[in-house]
Amino acid sequence: MDFYRAKLASKVEGKSFEAVKDVDALLVGATDVGISVANAIAAAESMGLGIIPIGGVRRNTAGVIDLLKLPEYVFPIVGLCVGYPAEETAQKPRLPLEAVFHEEQYNPDVEGLLEAYNQTHREYMQQQGLTERDWTSTIAHFYDINPEYGDAKRTLKQQGFTCDNL
């Protein structure tokens, strides 16, 4: 998420740079990152390249900031590994379309779909030689023990994003 150039533009024009105090800047920046990563994935896959998105960069944002020497107002949200795969692997089954695609309005009645997906997920994990685990169990465990994932709260402020109006 890169607001460094916007900060420089504000400086050149003699304007204040208050946007990074507003949570909306984080939402805009994160949305832009998502759009960019989706486009990079589509482009890479169209060229026969394999990809692995790395959301775990948020576990140690300070380390990523240091490694990449990111200036103030730049924040790591996701990484993307791109290369030629050594072998083809089975694609992980996705949630049922009805659980993620909503027409005209959000349909919150998807609990049964999630419970049914657990079986599909367990079978996939077993086929891959991985620990069989329900999808709902994995998600619930993550959000139960990770109220703050990594060091983002501290490093966002270090990078200049204060979001004072929360």
Foldseek 3Di string as FASTA:
>chain_A
DACPVVCVVCVVVVHDDCCLLACVVVVVVVVVVVVVVVVVCVVLVVVQKDKDKAQLCQQAFVVVCVVVVPAFRDTDGIDMDIGHDPDDDDDQDDQPPLQPDDPPDDDPPCPVSLVVVQVSNQVNCVVVVHDRDGPVVVVVVCVVPPVPRHDCVPVSVVSPRNNNVD
